[in-house]
Structures are given as structure tokens and as C-alpha cells.
Amino acid sequence: MSVDLTGTYLTLDDGRHAVRFSRIYDHPVDRVWHFVTDPGELAAWFPSRAEADLRPGGTIRFTGDPNMPESTGRVLSVDPPRHLSFTWGDDELHFELEAVGEGRTRFTLTNVLAGTDTAARNGAGWEVCLAALDARARGERPGGPHAGAGAPWREFYDAYIGAGVPSGAPVPGLD
């Protein structure tokens, strides 16, 4: 199976490494903000159930990922309905939403990596998660990021490695 990679591996201005994804959704910013912040919506596509106190310094609680223990993170910044960033383990996640015409939104996810060797693994994981978000945005009921063997995680992972994206970090649930 051949897969199209939608993520970009990059070095940020501060020298940290990240993977970044961008999508255009045919929904207004407020609706896409709901996809990013509502625990029920997140359950359809985000790797963990996430419930957040949406204020800088607020706690975000992650549960329900079969490959990871329950954990908490910290909200770094929030500017509803345009920006949300928080810690997730040792990584940071940044969501940017921008109106790009009548009823359309550019969604950008930047995963700032704690270690460069996680880039291919995380990139592949986000491909699967964002495919579920894409389906949700189309009004479908995706099986979520842990939908089972049908998710092409391994193909994405191999493609990222083939593209020269750093790898080698343990893979939860496989290692």
C-alpha cells in the first residue's frame, strides 16, 4: 500500500524539532474549535480522551489510550477559538485555526518533539488520527485513532522513515 504523507518534519526558530500538519475544513472556525476542545469530539480522533481546564496553566487530563497510561498535561496558552497549546508527556501540541474564506478553516497541528527520534513515530500516529478527524469533519463516524488493524500506521511509519525523518523511539503497544 502506498500512502501520501501530509506531515512535515521541521526545525523551529528556537531549535526544537517538530512535525506539522495542515488541513482545510469546510466548517467555520467555531466548529473546528469544537473538534479540538470538546471531549466528545476529541474521542473520535485524538489518541486519548482529553478533558481540559481551558485557561493558561490549567490541567488537561488524558485517559483511554490503550497504549499509554493515564496522565496529565498543562495548558500553555489558549485564545478561543484560534489557538490552543498544551503539554502532552514531554511534547507540546499547538493547534492553530484560521478562517480562510466563508465557512472554511485552516487547521494546523504542530507537535513539538521532546526527542528527534520520535518524529517518524509521531508523524505516522498523527496521520491516522487526522484521517479520523477528516472523516469526522465530513460528517462520518470514524472508529477513532485506535480503530484496529485497518489503520495504516505501519505504512505511514515506513514512509516517514523512507523520507529520512528521524526514527528509533519505542512504539507504545508494539515494543
C-alpha atoms as a PDB file:
ATOM      1  CA  MET A   1       0.000   0.000   0.000  1.00  0.00           C
ATOM      2  CA  SER A   2       1.321   3.435  -0.913  1.00  0.00           C
ATOM      3  CA  VAL A   3       0.497   6.325   1.407  1.00  0.00           C
ATOM      4  CA  ASP A   4       0.686  10.070   0.940  1.00  0.00           C
ATOM      5  CA  LEU A   5       2.484  11.834   3.774  1.00  0.00           C
ATOM      6  CA  THR A   6       0.843  15.065   4.871  1.00  0.00           C
ATOM      7  CA  GLY A   7       3.192  15.959   7.717  1.00  0.00           C
ATOM      8  CA  THR A   8       6.362  17.998   7.572  1.00  0.00           C
ATOM      9  CA  TYR A   9       9.381  17.450   9.813  1.00  0.00           C
ATOM     10  CA  LEU A  10      10.977  20.782  10.668  1.00  0.00           C
ATOM     11  CA  THR A  11      13.266  22.690  12.991  1.00  0.00           C
ATOM     12  CA  LEU A  12      11.553  25.602  14.713  1.00  0.00           C
ATOM     13  CA  ASP A  13      13.170  29.016  15.167  1.00  0.00           C
ATOM     14  CA  ASP A  14      14.128  28.089  18.743  1.00  0.00           C
ATOM     15  CA  GLY A  15      15.995  24.975  17.534  1.00  0.00           C
ATOM     16  CA  ARG A  16      13.402  22.435  18.692  1.00  0.00           C
ATOM     17  CA  HIS A  17      12.154  19.807  16.235  1.00  0.00           C
ATOM     18  CA  ALA A  18       8.525  19.276  15.286  1.00  0.00           C
ATOM     19  CA  VAL A  19       6.125  17.596  12.926  1.00  0.00           C
ATOM     20  CA  ARG A  20       3.438  19.831  11.441  1.00  0.00           C
ATOM     21  CA  PHE A  21       0.170  19.071   9.679  1.00  0.00           C
ATOM     22  CA  SER A  22      -2.279  21.410   7.994  1.00  0.00           C
ATOM     23  CA  ARG A  23      -5.796  20.812   6.724  1.00  0.00           C
ATOM     24  CA  ILE A  24      -8.603  22.931   5.301  1.00  0.00           C
ATOM     25  CA  TYR A  25     -12.056  22.105   6.647  1.00  0.00           C
ATOM     26  CA  ASP A  26     -15.358  23.271   5.193  1.00  0.00           C
ATOM     27  CA  HIS A  27     -16.509  24.435   8.603  1.00  0.00           C
ATOM     28  CA  PRO A  28     -16.297  27.799  10.374  1.00  0.00           C
ATOM     29  CA  VAL A  29     -13.579  28.312  12.969  1.00  0.00           C
ATOM     30  CA  ASP A  30     -16.017  27.857  15.874  1.00  0.00           C
ATOM     31  CA  ARG A  31     -16.969  24.372  14.642  1.00  0.00           C
ATOM     32  CA  VAL A  32     -13.339  23.294  14.186  1.00  0.00           C
ATOM     33  CA  TRP A  33     -12.561  24.721  17.650  1.00  0.00           C
ATOM     34  CA  HIS A  34     -15.242  22.356  18.945  1.00  0.00           C
ATOM     35  CA  PHE A  35     -13.432  19.426  17.253  1.00  0.00           C
ATOM     36  CA  VAL A  36     -10.243  20.456  19.113  1.00  0.00           C
ATOM     37  CA  THR A  37     -11.654  21.203  22.568  1.00  0.00           C
ATOM     38  CA  ASP A  38     -14.808  19.164  23.198  1.00  0.00           C
ATOM     39  CA  PRO A  39     -14.004  15.848  24.950  1.00  0.00           C
ATOM     40  CA  GLY A  40     -16.706  14.039  22.988  1.00  0.00           C
ATOM     41  CA  GLU A  41     -15.352  15.272  19.660  1.00  0.00           C
ATOM     42  CA  LEU A  42     -11.753  14.565  20.666  1.00  0.00           C
ATOM     43  CA  ALA A  43     -12.699  10.974  21.465  1.00  0.00           C
ATOM     44  CA  ALA A  44     -13.416  10.481  17.747  1.00  0.00           C
ATOM     45  CA  TRP A  45      -9.893  11.350  16.618  1.00  0.00           C
ATOM     46  CA  PHE A  46      -7.384  12.282  19.346  1.00  0.00           C
ATOM     47  CA  PRO A  47      -5.192   9.442  20.716  1.00  0.00           C
ATOM     48  CA  SER A  48      -6.503   9.894  24.278  1.00  0.00           C
ATOM     49  CA  ARG A  49      -9.685  11.187  25.768  1.00  0.00           C
ATOM     50  CA  ALA A  50      -8.721  14.713  26.780  1.00  0.00           C
ATOM     51  CA  GLU A  51     -10.535  16.914  29.253  1.00  0.00           C
ATOM     52  CA  ALA A  52      -9.062  20.354  29.841  1.00  0.00           C
ATOM     53  CA  ASP A  53      -9.421  23.355  32.058  1.00  0.00           C
ATOM     54  CA  LEU A  54      -9.067  25.757  29.126  1.00  0.00           C
ATOM     55  CA  ARG A  55      -7.009  28.506  30.716  1.00  0.00           C
ATOM     56  CA  PRO A  56      -3.241  29.067  30.790  1.00  0.00           C
ATOM     57  CA  GLY A  57      -1.836  26.806  33.483  1.00  0.00           C
ATOM     58  CA  GLY A  58      -4.988  24.675  33.506  1.00  0.00           C
ATOM     59  CA  THR A  59      -4.753  20.917  33.756  1.00  0.00           C
ATOM     60  CA  ILE A  60      -5.542  18.629  30.851  1.00  0.00           C
ATOM     61  CA  ARG A  61      -6.245  15.000  31.712  1.00  0.00           C
ATOM     62  CA  PHE A  62      -5.556  12.206  29.204  1.00  0.00           C
ATOM     63  CA  THR A  63      -7.328   8.858  29.588  1.00  0.00           C
ATOM     64  CA  GLY A  64      -8.475   5.944  27.478  1.00  0.00           C
ATOM     65  CA  ASP A  65      -5.442   5.395  25.225  1.00  0.00           C
ATOM     66  CA  PRO A  66      -4.907   1.621  25.242  1.00  0.00           C
ATOM     67  CA  ASN A  67      -1.181   2.120  24.657  1.00  0.00           C
ATOM     68  CA  MET A  68      -0.470   4.796  27.273  1.00  0.00           C
ATOM     69  CA  PRO A  69      -1.164   5.207  30.985  1.00  0.00           C
ATOM     70  CA  GLU A  70      -3.464   7.965  32.204  1.00  0.00           C
ATOM     71  CA  SER A  71      -1.598  11.251  32.533  1.00  0.00           C
ATOM     72  CA  THR A  72      -1.992  14.986  32.857  1.00  0.00           C
ATOM     73  CA  GLY A  73      -0.617  17.918  30.936  1.00  0.00           C
ATOM     74  CA  ARG A  74      -0.692  21.669  31.291  1.00  0.00           C
ATOM     75  CA  VAL A  75      -2.412  24.225  29.085  1.00  0.00           C
ATOM     76  CA  LEU A  76       0.328  26.557  27.849  1.00  0.00           C
ATOM     77  CA  SER A  77      -1.831  29.084  26.033  1.00  0.00           C
ATOM     78  CA  VAL A  78      -5.361  29.457  24.796  1.00  0.00           C
ATOM     79  CA  ASP A  79      -7.033  32.074  22.602  1.00  0.00           C
ATOM     80  CA  PRO A  80     -10.517  30.770  21.752  1.00  0.00           C
ATOM     81  CA  PRO A  81     -11.359  29.939  19.029  1.00  0.00           C
ATOM     82  CA  ARG A  82      -8.000  30.408  17.305  1.00  0.00           C
ATOM     83  CA  HIS A  83      -5.220  28.823  19.358  1.00  0.00           C
ATOM     84  CA  LEU A  84      -4.638  26.119  21.931  1.00  0.00           C
ATOM     85  CA  SER A  85      -1.338  24.678  23.108  1.00  0.00           C
ATOM     86  CA  PHE A  86      -0.595  22.213  25.877  1.00  0.00           C
ATOM     87  CA  THR A  87       1.956  19.724  27.093  1.00  0.00           C
ATOM     88  CA  TRP A  88       1.397  16.071  26.323  1.00  0.00           C
ATOM     89  CA  GLY A  89       4.001  13.951  28.041  1.00  0.00           C
ATOM     90  CA  ASP A  90       7.306  15.611  27.195  1.00  0.00           C
ATOM     91  CA  ASP A  91       5.937  17.025  23.908  1.00  0.00           C
ATOM     92  CA  GLU A  92       3.945  20.162  23.196  1.00  0.00           C
ATOM     93  CA  LEU A  93       0.911  20.296  20.930  1.00  0.00           C
ATOM     94  CA  HIS A  94      -0.096  23.542  19.229  1.00  0.00           C
ATOM     95  CA  PHE A  95      -3.414  23.924  17.382  1.00  0.00           C
ATOM     96  CA  GLU A  96      -3.894  26.990  15.191  1.00  0.00           C
ATOM     97  CA  LEU A  97      -7.222  27.762  13.494  1.00  0.00           C
ATOM     98  CA  GLU A  98      -7.568  30.410  10.810  1.00  0.00           C
ATOM     99  CA  ALA A  99     -10.599  31.428   8.735  1.00  0.00           C
ATOM    100  CA  VAL A 100      -9.779  31.071   5.044  1.00  0.00           C
ATOM    101  CA  GLY A 101     -12.967  32.185   3.362  1.00  0.00           C
ATOM    102  CA  GLU A 102     -16.638  31.889   4.040  1.00  0.00           C
ATOM    103  CA  GLY A 103     -17.184  28.968   6.394  1.00  0.00           C
ATOM    104  CA  ARG A 104     -13.735  27.414   5.883  1.00  0.00           C
ATOM    105  CA  THR A 105     -10.912  26.949   8.375  1.00  0.00           C
ATOM    106  CA  ARG A 106      -7.227  26.158   8.103  1.00  0.00           C
ATOM    107  CA  PHE A 107      -6.341  23.761  10.926  1.00  0.00           C
ATOM    108  CA  THR A 108      -2.648  23.446  11.767  1.00  0.00           C
ATOM    109  CA  LEU A 109      -1.268  20.993  14.312  1.00  0.00           C
ATOM    110  CA  THR A 110       2.358  21.329  15.377  1.00  0.00           C
ATOM    111  CA  ASN A 111       3.753  18.578  17.593  1.00  0.00           C
ATOM    112  CA  VAL A 112       6.931  19.939  19.186  1.00  0.00           C
ATOM    113  CA  LEU A 113       9.003  16.856  19.912  1.00  0.00           C
ATOM    114  CA  ALA A 114      10.889  16.095  23.100  1.00  0.00           C
ATOM    115  CA  GLY A 115      13.252  13.886  21.090  1.00  0.00           C
ATOM    116  CA  THR A 116      14.024  13.853  17.384  1.00  0.00           C
ATOM    117  CA  ASP A 117      13.842  10.046  17.289  1.00  0.00           C
ATOM    118  CA  THR A 118      10.073  10.327  17.854  1.00  0.00           C
ATOM    119  CA  ALA A 119       9.417  12.212  14.601  1.00  0.00           C
ATOM    120  CA  ALA A 120       8.548   9.248  12.326  1.00  0.00           C
ATOM    121  CA  ARG A 121       6.519   7.514  15.049  1.00  0.00           C
ATOM    122  CA  ASN A 122       4.523  10.623  15.946  1.00  0.00           C
ATOM    123  CA  GLY A 123       4.118  11.637  12.310  1.00  0.00           C
ATOM    124  CA  ALA A 124       2.612   8.250  11.490  1.00  0.00           C
ATOM    125  CA  GLY A 125       0.349   8.420  14.516  1.00  0.00           C
ATOM    126  CA  TRP A 126      -0.934  11.861  13.587  1.00  0.00           C
ATOM    127  CA  GLU A 127      -1.629  10.686  10.027  1.00  0.00           C
ATOM    128  CA  VAL A 128      -4.005   8.055  11.439  1.00  0.00           C
ATOM    129  CA  CYS A 129      -5.555  10.447  13.972  1.00  0.00           C
ATOM    130  CA  LEU A 130      -6.058  13.238  11.449  1.00  0.00           C
ATOM    131  CA  ALA A 131      -7.628  10.829   8.957  1.00  0.00           C
ATOM    132  CA  ALA A 132     -10.218  10.166  11.681  1.00  0.00           C
ATOM    133  CA  LEU A 133     -10.657  13.942  12.175  1.00  0.00           C
ATOM    134  CA  ASP A 134     -11.011  14.394   8.400  1.00  0.00           C
ATOM    135  CA  ALA A 135     -13.779  11.759   8.402  1.00  0.00           C
ATOM    136  CA  ARG A 136     -15.473  13.410  11.381  1.00  0.00           C
ATOM    137  CA  ALA A 137     -15.362  16.786   9.622  1.00  0.00           C
ATOM    138  CA  ARG A 138     -17.113  15.172   6.630  1.00  0.00           C
ATOM    139  CA  GLY A 139     -19.899  14.061   8.969  1.00  0.00           C
ATOM    140  CA  GLU A 140     -18.816  10.441   9.129  1.00  0.00           C
ATOM    141  CA  ARG A 141     -18.498   8.442  12.323  1.00  0.00           C
ATOM    142  CA  PRO A 142     -14.882   7.300  12.304  1.00  0.00           C
ATOM    143  CA  GLY A 143     -13.767   4.449  14.500  1.00  0.00           C
ATOM    144  CA  GLY A 144     -11.262   6.758  16.156  1.00  0.00           C
ATOM    145  CA  PRO A 145      -7.477   6.580  16.168  1.00  0.00           C
ATOM    146  CA  HIS A 146      -7.469   3.102  17.716  1.00  0.00           C
ATOM    147  CA  ALA A 147      -9.875   1.568  15.192  1.00  0.00           C
ATOM    148  CA  GLY A 148      -7.779  -1.553  14.844  1.00  0.00           C
ATOM    149  CA  ALA A 149      -5.721  -3.252  12.201  1.00  0.00           C
ATOM    150  CA  GLY A 150      -7.373  -1.278   9.388  1.00  0.00           C
ATOM    151  CA  ALA A 151      -5.427   1.859  10.316  1.00  0.00           C
ATOM    152  CA  PRO A 152      -2.322   2.068   8.097  1.00  0.00           C
ATOM    153  CA  TRP A 153       0.016   3.246  10.878  1.00  0.00           C
ATOM    154  CA  ARG A 154       2.894   0.953   9.828  1.00  0.00           C
ATOM    155  CA  GLU A 155       2.732   2.119   6.201  1.00  0.00           C
ATOM    156  CA  PHE A 156       2.932   5.753   7.311  1.00  0.00           C
ATOM    157  CA  TYR A 157       5.771   4.968   9.699  1.00  0.00           C
ATOM    158  CA  ASP A 158       7.774   3.201   6.971  1.00  0.00           C
ATOM    159  CA  ALA A 159       7.088   6.065   4.553  1.00  0.00           C
ATOM    160  CA  TYR A 160       8.336   8.652   7.058  1.00  0.00           C
ATOM    161  CA  ILE A 161      11.490   6.616   7.627  1.00  0.00           C
ATOM    162  CA  GLY A 162      11.906   6.294   3.859  1.00  0.00           C
ATOM    163  CA  ALA A 163      11.628  10.070   3.589  1.00  0.00           C
ATOM    164  CA  GLY A 164      14.540  10.443   6.017  1.00  0.00           C
ATOM    165  CA  VAL A 165      12.503  11.531   9.041  1.00  0.00           C
ATOM    166  CA  PRO A 166      14.289  10.582  12.296  1.00  0.00           C
ATOM    167  CA  SER A 167      13.087   7.398  13.977  1.00  0.00           C
ATOM    168  CA  GLY A 168      14.074   4.864  16.599  1.00  0.00           C
ATOM    169  CA  ALA A 169      11.875   5.754  19.574  1.00  0.00           C
ATOM    170  CA  PRO A 170       9.895   2.941  21.205  1.00  0.00           C
ATOM    171  CA  VAL A 171       6.410   2.462  19.793  1.00  0.00           C
ATOM    172  CA  PRO A 172       3.771   2.088  22.551  1.00  0.00           C
ATOM    173  CA  GLY A 173       1.751  -1.045  22.037  1.00  0.00           C
ATOM    174  CA  LEU A 174       4.327  -2.575  19.675  1.00  0.00           C
ATOM    175  CA  ASP A 175       7.621  -2.503  21.570  1.00  0.00           C
END
